[in-house]
N, C-alpha and C. Protein backbone atom coordinates (compact mmCIF):
# COMPACT_ATOMS: atom_id res chain seq x y z
N MET A 1 88.60 62.75 152.00
CA MET A 1 88.29 63.41 150.76
C MET A 1 89.58 63.52 149.94
N PRO A 2 89.55 63.19 148.64
CA PRO A 2 90.76 63.29 147.83
C PRO A 2 91.29 64.72 147.81
N LYS A 3 92.61 64.85 147.69
CA LYS A 3 93.24 66.15 147.80
C LYS A 3 92.71 67.15 146.78
N GLY A 4 92.37 66.70 145.58
CA GLY A 4 91.88 67.60 144.54
C GLY A 4 90.48 68.11 144.79
N HIS A 5 89.72 67.46 145.69
CA HIS A 5 88.34 67.84 145.93
C HIS A 5 88.14 68.58 147.25
N ARG A 6 89.20 69.03 147.85
CA ARG A 6 89.05 69.78 149.10
C ARG A 6 88.56 71.19 148.80
N PRO A 7 87.76 71.75 149.68
CA PRO A 7 87.27 73.12 149.46
C PRO A 7 88.43 74.11 149.31
N ALA A 8 88.18 75.16 148.53
CA ALA A 8 89.22 76.17 148.26
C ALA A 8 89.73 76.80 149.55
N LEU A 9 88.82 77.04 150.49
CA LEU A 9 89.22 77.67 151.75
C LEU A 9 90.23 76.81 152.50
N VAL A 10 90.03 75.51 152.49
CA VAL A 10 90.95 74.60 153.17
C VAL A 10 92.31 74.63 152.47
N ARG A 11 92.30 74.63 151.14
CA ARG A 11 93.56 74.68 150.40
C ARG A 11 94.31 75.99 150.67
N ILE A 12 93.57 77.09 150.74
CA ILE A 12 94.20 78.38 151.03
C ILE A 12 94.81 78.37 152.42
N MET A 13 94.06 77.85 153.40
CA MET A 13 94.58 77.82 154.76
C MET A 13 95.76 76.86 154.91
N ASP A 14 95.78 75.80 154.11
CA ASP A 14 96.96 74.92 154.11
C ASP A 14 98.19 75.68 153.62
N ALA A 15 98.00 76.50 152.58
CA ALA A 15 99.12 77.30 152.06
C ALA A 15 99.56 78.34 153.09
N VAL A 16 98.59 78.99 153.75
CA VAL A 16 98.91 79.96 154.80
C VAL A 16 99.69 79.28 155.91
N ASP A 17 99.26 78.08 156.29
CA ASP A 17 99.93 77.30 157.33
C ASP A 17 101.40 77.08 156.96
N LYS A 18 101.65 76.64 155.75
CA LYS A 18 103.03 76.37 155.32
C LYS A 18 103.88 77.63 155.34
N VAL A 19 103.32 78.73 154.85
CA VAL A 19 104.06 80.00 154.83
C VAL A 19 104.36 80.46 156.26
N LEU A 20 103.35 80.40 157.13
CA LEU A 20 103.55 80.84 158.52
C LEU A 20 104.57 79.99 159.25
N VAL A 21 104.53 78.69 159.04
CA VAL A 21 105.51 77.81 159.69
C VAL A 21 106.91 78.20 159.27
N ASN A 22 107.11 78.41 157.99
CA ASN A 22 108.44 78.77 157.50
C ASN A 22 108.89 80.15 157.99
N ILE A 23 107.99 81.11 157.97
CA ILE A 23 108.33 82.46 158.44
C ILE A 23 108.70 82.42 159.92
N CYS A 24 107.87 81.75 160.72
CA CYS A 24 108.14 81.69 162.16
C CYS A 24 109.41 80.90 162.45
N ALA A 25 109.66 79.84 161.69
CA ALA A 25 110.89 79.05 161.90
C ALA A 25 112.13 79.88 161.60
N VAL A 26 112.10 80.64 160.51
CA VAL A 26 113.24 81.50 160.17
C VAL A 26 113.43 82.57 161.24
N ALA A 27 112.34 83.19 161.68
CA ALA A 27 112.45 84.23 162.71
C ALA A 27 112.98 83.66 164.02
N LEU A 28 112.52 82.47 164.40
CA LEU A 28 113.03 81.84 165.63
C LEU A 28 114.50 81.47 165.49
N ALA A 29 114.89 80.96 164.32
CA ALA A 29 116.30 80.63 164.10
C ALA A 29 117.17 81.88 164.17
N LEU A 30 116.69 82.96 163.57
CA LEU A 30 117.43 84.23 163.66
C LEU A 30 117.54 84.70 165.10
N MET A 31 116.45 84.55 165.85
CA MET A 31 116.47 84.97 167.25
C MET A 31 117.50 84.18 168.04
N VAL A 32 117.56 82.88 167.82
CA VAL A 32 118.55 82.04 168.51
C VAL A 32 119.96 82.44 168.11
N MET A 33 120.18 82.65 166.81
CA MET A 33 121.52 83.05 166.36
C MET A 33 121.95 84.39 166.94
N VAL A 34 121.04 85.35 166.96
CA VAL A 34 121.36 86.66 167.51
C VAL A 34 121.69 86.53 169.00
N CYS A 35 120.91 85.73 169.72
CA CYS A 35 121.19 85.52 171.15
C CYS A 35 122.54 84.85 171.37
N LEU A 36 122.87 83.86 170.54
CA LEU A 36 124.17 83.20 170.66
C LEU A 36 125.32 84.16 170.36
N VAL A 37 125.15 85.00 169.36
CA VAL A 37 126.17 86.01 169.05
C VAL A 37 126.32 86.97 170.23
N ALA A 38 125.19 87.39 170.81
CA ALA A 38 125.24 88.30 171.96
C ALA A 38 125.97 87.66 173.13
N ILE A 39 125.67 86.41 173.41
CA ILE A 39 126.33 85.70 174.51
C ILE A 39 127.82 85.56 174.24
N PHE A 40 128.17 85.19 173.02
CA PHE A 40 129.58 85.03 172.66
C PHE A 40 130.35 86.34 172.85
N TYR A 41 129.80 87.43 172.33
CA TYR A 41 130.49 88.71 172.44
C TYR A 41 130.57 89.19 173.89
N ARG A 42 129.49 89.00 174.65
CA ARG A 42 129.47 89.51 176.02
C ARG A 42 130.39 88.70 176.94
N TYR A 43 130.29 87.37 176.89
CA TYR A 43 130.98 86.55 177.88
C TYR A 43 132.32 85.99 177.41
N ILE A 44 132.52 85.84 176.12
CA ILE A 44 133.79 85.32 175.62
C ILE A 44 134.73 86.46 175.26
N LEU A 45 134.20 87.43 174.51
CA LEU A 45 135.04 88.55 174.08
C LEU A 45 135.00 89.74 175.04
N GLY A 46 134.05 89.72 175.97
CA GLY A 46 133.95 90.80 176.95
C GLY A 46 133.51 92.13 176.36
N ASN A 47 132.78 92.08 175.25
CA ASN A 47 132.35 93.30 174.58
C ASN A 47 130.91 93.11 174.11
N ALA A 48 129.96 93.65 174.86
CA ALA A 48 128.55 93.46 174.53
C ALA A 48 128.17 94.24 173.27
N LEU A 49 127.34 93.63 172.45
CA LEU A 49 126.81 94.29 171.26
C LEU A 49 125.50 94.98 171.62
N SER A 50 125.34 96.21 171.19
CA SER A 50 124.17 96.98 171.59
C SER A 50 122.91 96.61 170.80
N TRP A 51 123.05 96.15 169.60
CA TRP A 51 121.90 95.93 168.73
C TRP A 51 121.19 94.60 168.94
N THR A 52 121.81 93.66 169.62
CA THR A 52 121.23 92.31 169.71
C THR A 52 119.92 92.28 170.50
N GLU A 53 119.85 93.04 171.57
CA GLU A 53 118.63 93.04 172.40
C GLU A 53 117.45 93.61 171.62
N GLU A 54 117.69 94.69 170.88
CA GLU A 54 116.61 95.31 170.12
C GLU A 54 116.13 94.40 168.99
N LEU A 55 117.04 93.80 168.26
CA LEU A 55 116.65 92.89 167.18
C LEU A 55 115.91 91.68 167.72
N THR A 56 116.38 91.12 168.83
CA THR A 56 115.71 89.98 169.45
C THR A 56 114.29 90.35 169.87
N ARG A 57 114.12 91.54 170.41
CA ARG A 57 112.79 92.01 170.82
C ARG A 57 111.85 92.09 169.62
N TYR A 58 112.32 92.66 168.52
CA TYR A 58 111.47 92.78 167.33
C TYR A 58 111.14 91.40 166.74
N LEU A 59 112.10 90.51 166.75
CA LEU A 59 111.85 89.15 166.24
C LEU A 59 110.84 88.42 167.12
N MET A 60 110.91 88.63 168.44
CA MET A 60 109.98 87.98 169.36
C MET A 60 108.55 88.50 169.13
N ILE A 61 108.40 89.79 168.93
CA ILE A 61 107.08 90.36 168.64
C ILE A 61 106.55 89.79 167.33
N PHE A 62 107.42 89.70 166.34
CA PHE A 62 107.06 89.15 165.04
C PHE A 62 106.56 87.71 165.17
N VAL A 63 107.32 86.88 165.87
CA VAL A 63 106.93 85.48 166.06
C VAL A 63 105.63 85.40 166.86
N GLY A 64 105.48 86.24 167.86
CA GLY A 64 104.25 86.23 168.66
C GLY A 64 103.03 86.58 167.84
N MET A 65 103.14 87.61 167.00
CA MET A 65 101.99 88.04 166.21
C MET A 65 101.60 87.00 165.15
N PHE A 66 102.58 86.43 164.48
CA PHE A 66 102.26 85.47 163.42
C PHE A 66 102.09 84.06 163.97
N GLY A 67 102.77 83.74 165.05
CA GLY A 67 102.62 82.43 165.67
C GLY A 67 101.24 82.24 166.29
N THR A 68 100.63 83.33 166.74
CA THR A 68 99.28 83.26 167.29
C THR A 68 98.29 82.78 166.23
N SER A 69 98.41 83.34 165.03
CA SER A 69 97.54 82.91 163.93
C SER A 69 97.78 81.45 163.58
N LEU A 70 99.03 81.06 163.57
CA LEU A 70 99.37 79.67 163.27
C LEU A 70 98.79 78.72 164.31
N ALA A 71 98.90 79.09 165.57
CA ALA A 71 98.36 78.26 166.65
C ALA A 71 96.84 78.13 166.54
N LEU A 72 96.16 79.24 166.23
CA LEU A 72 94.71 79.18 166.07
C LEU A 72 94.34 78.34 164.86
N LEU A 73 95.06 78.50 163.78
CA LEU A 73 94.79 77.74 162.57
C LEU A 73 94.91 76.24 162.81
N ARG A 74 95.88 75.84 163.60
CA ARG A 74 96.13 74.42 163.88
C ARG A 74 95.39 73.92 165.13
N ASP A 75 94.63 74.78 165.78
CA ASP A 75 93.96 74.45 167.04
C ASP A 75 94.96 73.99 168.09
N GLU A 76 96.11 74.62 168.12
CA GLU A 76 97.16 74.29 169.09
C GLU A 76 97.34 75.40 170.12
N HIS A 77 96.38 76.31 170.19
CA HIS A 77 96.46 77.41 171.13
C HIS A 77 96.06 76.94 172.53
N VAL A 78 96.40 77.74 173.50
CA VAL A 78 96.03 77.44 174.87
C VAL A 78 94.52 77.62 175.00
N GLY A 79 93.87 76.66 175.60
CA GLY A 79 92.43 76.76 175.75
C GLY A 79 91.95 75.96 176.94
N PHE A 80 90.77 76.29 177.40
CA PHE A 80 90.14 75.58 178.50
C PHE A 80 88.96 74.82 177.91
N ASN A 81 89.18 73.55 177.61
CA ASN A 81 88.20 72.76 176.87
C ASN A 81 87.40 71.78 177.72
N THR A 82 87.62 71.74 179.00
CA THR A 82 86.97 70.75 179.84
C THR A 82 85.45 70.82 179.72
N ILE A 83 84.91 72.01 179.81
CA ILE A 83 83.46 72.17 179.74
C ILE A 83 82.97 71.96 178.31
N VAL A 84 83.67 72.56 177.34
CA VAL A 84 83.25 72.46 175.94
C VAL A 84 83.27 71.02 175.46
N ASN A 85 84.25 70.24 175.87
CA ASN A 85 84.34 68.84 175.44
C ASN A 85 83.18 67.98 175.94
N LYS A 86 82.53 68.40 177.02
CA LYS A 86 81.40 67.64 177.57
C LYS A 86 80.06 68.05 176.95
N MET A 87 80.08 69.06 176.10
CA MET A 87 78.85 69.55 175.48
C MET A 87 78.44 68.66 174.31
N PRO A 88 77.13 68.66 174.00
CA PRO A 88 76.69 67.99 172.77
C PRO A 88 77.33 68.69 171.55
N GLU A 89 77.41 67.98 170.45
CA GLU A 89 78.13 68.48 169.27
C GLU A 89 77.62 69.84 168.78
N LYS A 90 76.31 70.04 168.73
CA LYS A 90 75.77 71.32 168.25
C LYS A 90 76.13 72.46 169.19
N LEU A 91 76.02 72.22 170.47
CA LEU A 91 76.36 73.25 171.45
C LEU A 91 77.87 73.54 171.44
N LYS A 92 78.65 72.50 171.19
CA LYS A 92 80.10 72.66 171.08
C LYS A 92 80.44 73.59 169.91
N ARG A 93 79.74 73.41 168.79
CA ARG A 93 79.97 74.27 167.62
C ARG A 93 79.59 75.71 167.93
N VAL A 94 78.48 75.90 168.65
CA VAL A 94 78.06 77.26 169.03
C VAL A 94 79.13 77.91 169.92
N ALA A 95 79.63 77.16 170.88
CA ALA A 95 80.68 77.69 171.77
C ALA A 95 81.92 78.05 170.97
N ASN A 96 82.28 77.21 170.01
CA ASN A 96 83.45 77.50 169.17
C ASN A 96 83.23 78.75 168.34
N VAL A 97 82.04 78.89 167.76
CA VAL A 97 81.75 80.08 166.95
C VAL A 97 81.83 81.34 167.81
N VAL A 98 81.24 81.29 169.00
CA VAL A 98 81.32 82.45 169.90
C VAL A 98 82.77 82.78 170.22
N SER A 99 83.56 81.76 170.48
CA SER A 99 84.98 81.96 170.77
C SER A 99 85.70 82.60 169.59
N TYR A 100 85.44 82.10 168.38
CA TYR A 100 86.10 82.65 167.20
C TYR A 100 85.63 84.07 166.89
N VAL A 101 84.36 84.37 167.19
CA VAL A 101 83.86 85.75 167.01
C VAL A 101 84.60 86.69 167.96
N LEU A 102 84.77 86.26 169.21
CA LEU A 102 85.50 87.09 170.18
C LEU A 102 86.96 87.28 169.75
N ILE A 103 87.58 86.21 169.28
CA ILE A 103 88.97 86.31 168.81
C ILE A 103 89.04 87.25 167.61
N GLY A 104 88.10 87.11 166.68
CA GLY A 104 88.07 87.99 165.50
C GLY A 104 87.86 89.44 165.87
N THR A 105 87.02 89.68 166.87
CA THR A 105 86.79 91.05 167.33
C THR A 105 88.06 91.64 167.92
N LEU A 106 88.71 90.88 168.79
CA LEU A 106 89.98 91.34 169.36
C LEU A 106 91.02 91.55 168.28
N ALA A 107 91.08 90.65 167.31
CA ALA A 107 92.05 90.76 166.22
C ALA A 107 91.80 92.01 165.39
N SER A 108 90.54 92.35 165.17
CA SER A 108 90.24 93.56 164.39
C SER A 108 90.64 94.81 165.16
N VAL A 109 90.47 94.81 166.47
CA VAL A 109 90.92 95.94 167.29
C VAL A 109 92.44 96.05 167.24
N ILE A 110 93.13 94.92 167.36
CA ILE A 110 94.59 94.91 167.28
C ILE A 110 95.05 95.44 165.93
N ALA A 111 94.40 94.99 164.85
CA ALA A 111 94.77 95.43 163.51
C ALA A 111 94.54 96.93 163.34
N TYR A 112 93.37 97.40 163.77
CA TYR A 112 93.03 98.82 163.62
C TYR A 112 93.95 99.71 164.45
N GLU A 113 94.09 99.39 165.73
CA GLU A 113 94.94 100.21 166.59
C GLU A 113 96.42 100.08 166.19
N GLY A 114 96.83 98.89 165.78
CA GLY A 114 98.20 98.70 165.31
C GLY A 114 98.49 99.49 164.06
N PHE A 115 97.50 99.57 163.17
CA PHE A 115 97.65 100.37 161.96
C PHE A 115 97.81 101.85 162.30
N LYS A 116 96.96 102.35 163.21
CA LYS A 116 97.07 103.75 163.64
C LYS A 116 98.43 104.01 164.28
N TRP A 117 98.86 103.09 165.13
CA TRP A 117 100.13 103.22 165.83
C TRP A 117 101.29 103.23 164.84
N THR A 118 101.22 102.34 163.85
CA THR A 118 102.27 102.27 162.83
C THR A 118 102.32 103.56 162.03
N LEU A 119 101.15 104.09 161.65
CA LEU A 119 101.12 105.35 160.91
C LEU A 119 101.67 106.50 161.74
N ASN A 120 101.35 106.50 163.03
CA ASN A 120 101.83 107.57 163.92
C ASN A 120 103.33 107.53 164.14
N SER A 121 103.93 106.38 163.89
CA SER A 121 105.39 106.30 164.08
C SER A 121 106.12 107.10 163.02
N GLY A 122 105.42 107.40 161.92
CA GLY A 122 106.02 108.20 160.86
C GLY A 122 107.31 107.60 160.36
N MET A 123 108.30 108.42 160.27
CA MET A 123 109.60 107.97 159.78
C MET A 123 110.61 107.90 160.91
N ALA A 124 110.13 107.70 162.14
CA ALA A 124 111.04 107.59 163.29
C ALA A 124 111.96 106.39 163.09
N THR A 125 113.15 106.52 163.60
CA THR A 125 114.15 105.46 163.49
C THR A 125 114.21 104.70 164.82
N ALA A 126 114.52 103.41 164.73
CA ALA A 126 114.68 102.60 165.93
C ALA A 126 115.81 103.17 166.79
N GLN A 127 115.81 102.82 168.07
CA GLN A 127 116.80 103.37 169.00
C GLN A 127 118.22 103.02 168.61
N ILE A 128 118.46 101.79 168.22
CA ILE A 128 119.83 101.35 167.93
C ILE A 128 119.98 100.90 166.48
N LEU A 129 119.06 100.07 166.01
CA LEU A 129 119.14 99.57 164.64
C LEU A 129 118.83 100.68 163.64
N PRO A 130 119.50 100.70 162.51
CA PRO A 130 119.26 101.75 161.52
C PRO A 130 118.06 101.43 160.62
N ILE A 131 116.89 101.22 161.23
CA ILE A 131 115.68 100.94 160.46
C ILE A 131 114.58 101.88 160.92
N LYS A 132 113.63 102.11 160.03
CA LYS A 132 112.47 102.92 160.38
C LYS A 132 111.53 102.08 161.25
N MET A 133 110.91 102.71 162.23
CA MET A 133 110.07 101.99 163.19
C MET A 133 108.82 101.38 162.57
N TRP A 134 108.36 101.91 161.43
CA TRP A 134 107.17 101.33 160.82
C TRP A 134 107.42 99.89 160.39
N ILE A 135 108.67 99.53 160.17
CA ILE A 135 108.97 98.17 159.71
C ILE A 135 108.67 97.15 160.81
N PRO A 136 109.26 97.24 162.00
CA PRO A 136 108.89 96.25 163.02
C PRO A 136 107.46 96.43 163.53
N MET A 137 106.97 97.67 163.53
CA MET A 137 105.62 97.91 164.04
C MET A 137 104.54 97.38 163.10
N SER A 138 104.86 97.23 161.83
CA SER A 138 103.86 96.76 160.87
C SER A 138 103.43 95.32 161.13
N CYS A 139 104.22 94.57 161.89
CA CYS A 139 103.81 93.18 162.17
C CYS A 139 102.58 93.15 163.08
N ILE A 140 102.30 94.22 163.80
CA ILE A 140 101.13 94.23 164.69
C ILE A 140 99.83 94.30 163.87
N PRO A 141 99.66 95.28 162.97
CA PRO A 141 98.42 95.25 162.18
C PRO A 141 98.36 94.05 161.23
N LEU A 142 99.49 93.64 160.67
CA LEU A 142 99.48 92.47 159.78
C LEU A 142 99.10 91.20 160.55
N GLY A 143 99.65 91.05 161.75
CA GLY A 143 99.29 89.91 162.58
C GLY A 143 97.82 89.94 162.98
N GLY A 144 97.29 91.13 163.27
CA GLY A 144 95.87 91.27 163.60
C GLY A 144 94.98 90.91 162.43
N ILE A 145 95.36 91.36 161.23
CA ILE A 145 94.59 91.02 160.02
C ILE A 145 94.61 89.52 159.78
N LEU A 146 95.77 88.93 159.92
CA LEU A 146 95.90 87.49 159.71
C LEU A 146 95.09 86.70 160.75
N LEU A 147 95.15 87.13 162.01
CA LEU A 147 94.37 86.46 163.06
C LEU A 147 92.88 86.60 162.79
N PHE A 148 92.45 87.77 162.31
CA PHE A 148 91.05 87.97 161.95
C PHE A 148 90.65 87.03 160.83
N ALA A 149 91.50 86.91 159.81
CA ALA A 149 91.21 86.03 158.67
C ALA A 149 91.11 84.57 159.11
N VAL A 150 92.00 84.15 160.00
CA VAL A 150 91.96 82.77 160.48
C VAL A 150 90.70 82.54 161.31
N SER A 151 90.34 83.50 162.16
CA SER A 151 89.12 83.32 162.97
C SER A 151 87.88 83.30 162.08
N LEU A 152 87.86 84.12 161.04
CA LEU A 152 86.74 84.10 160.09
C LEU A 152 86.66 82.75 159.38
N THR A 153 87.81 82.23 159.01
CA THR A 153 87.87 80.91 158.38
C THR A 153 87.35 79.83 159.33
N LYS A 154 87.73 79.93 160.59
CA LYS A 154 87.26 78.96 161.58
C LYS A 154 85.74 79.04 161.78
N ILE A 155 85.20 80.27 161.75
CA ILE A 155 83.75 80.44 161.88
C ILE A 155 83.05 79.78 160.69
N ILE A 156 83.55 80.04 159.49
CA ILE A 156 82.96 79.44 158.29
C ILE A 156 83.04 77.92 158.37
N SER A 157 84.15 77.42 158.84
CA SER A 157 84.34 75.97 158.97
C SER A 157 83.34 75.38 159.97
N GLU A 158 83.17 76.04 161.11
CA GLU A 158 82.23 75.55 162.13
C GLU A 158 80.79 75.60 161.62
N LEU A 159 80.42 76.69 160.96
CA LEU A 159 79.05 76.81 160.46
C LEU A 159 78.78 75.85 159.32
N GLY A 160 79.84 75.50 158.58
CA GLY A 160 79.68 74.55 157.48
C GLY A 160 79.75 73.11 157.94
N GLY A 161 80.05 72.89 159.20
CA GLY A 161 80.10 71.54 159.74
C GLY A 161 81.40 70.82 159.47
N SER A 162 82.41 71.55 159.02
CA SER A 162 83.70 70.93 158.71
C SER A 162 84.57 70.90 159.95
N ASP A 163 85.35 69.84 160.09
CA ASP A 163 86.28 69.74 161.21
C ASP A 163 87.65 70.30 160.87
N LYS A 164 87.97 70.39 159.61
CA LYS A 164 89.32 70.80 159.18
C LYS A 164 89.26 72.13 158.48
N CYS A 165 90.05 73.06 158.95
CA CYS A 165 90.23 74.32 158.26
C CYS A 165 91.51 74.96 158.68
C-alpha cells in the first residue's frame, strides 16, 4: 500500500515506534555511560560514586517500561508461538486478540496502581539523587498507559484483518 494511503492508526504507531526507539536508545546509552563512570571511579580512582547505582536503577526501570511497549508494537516480545503457529488463520487471530486483551488488562492494572503509587509518593526525595520520587515513578503509569494503547491498537489491527500495526 502506498505510504500516503496507510491507515491513520498505522501512521500513528509508526511515529510512536520512532519516538520509543529514540527514547530507549538514549536511556540505554546513559545507562552505559553511568556504569562506565562508576567503574572508572571505583576501580581506577578508588573512590566509588554513590549516585550511579540509583540513577542506573531508574534508567533500567524506564527502559523496561517503555521497551515493553516497543517490543509488543514490533512483535519482538518473548512468546510461545508453537501452538498458535499451527492454528488456522481465524483461530490464530482469536488467540492473538485474547492475548492482547490479557496484556491490555494487565497494562491497565499497572497504569492504575502505578498512578496511585506515584501520587502516594508525594514530594518525597530520592535516597541519593536530588530529585522528587514522582519523577522516576511516573514511568510506571506512563508505561502502563502506553502498553495499554499498543495492545488496543493490536486488537484493532487483528479484528480489522491487518498484519501491520
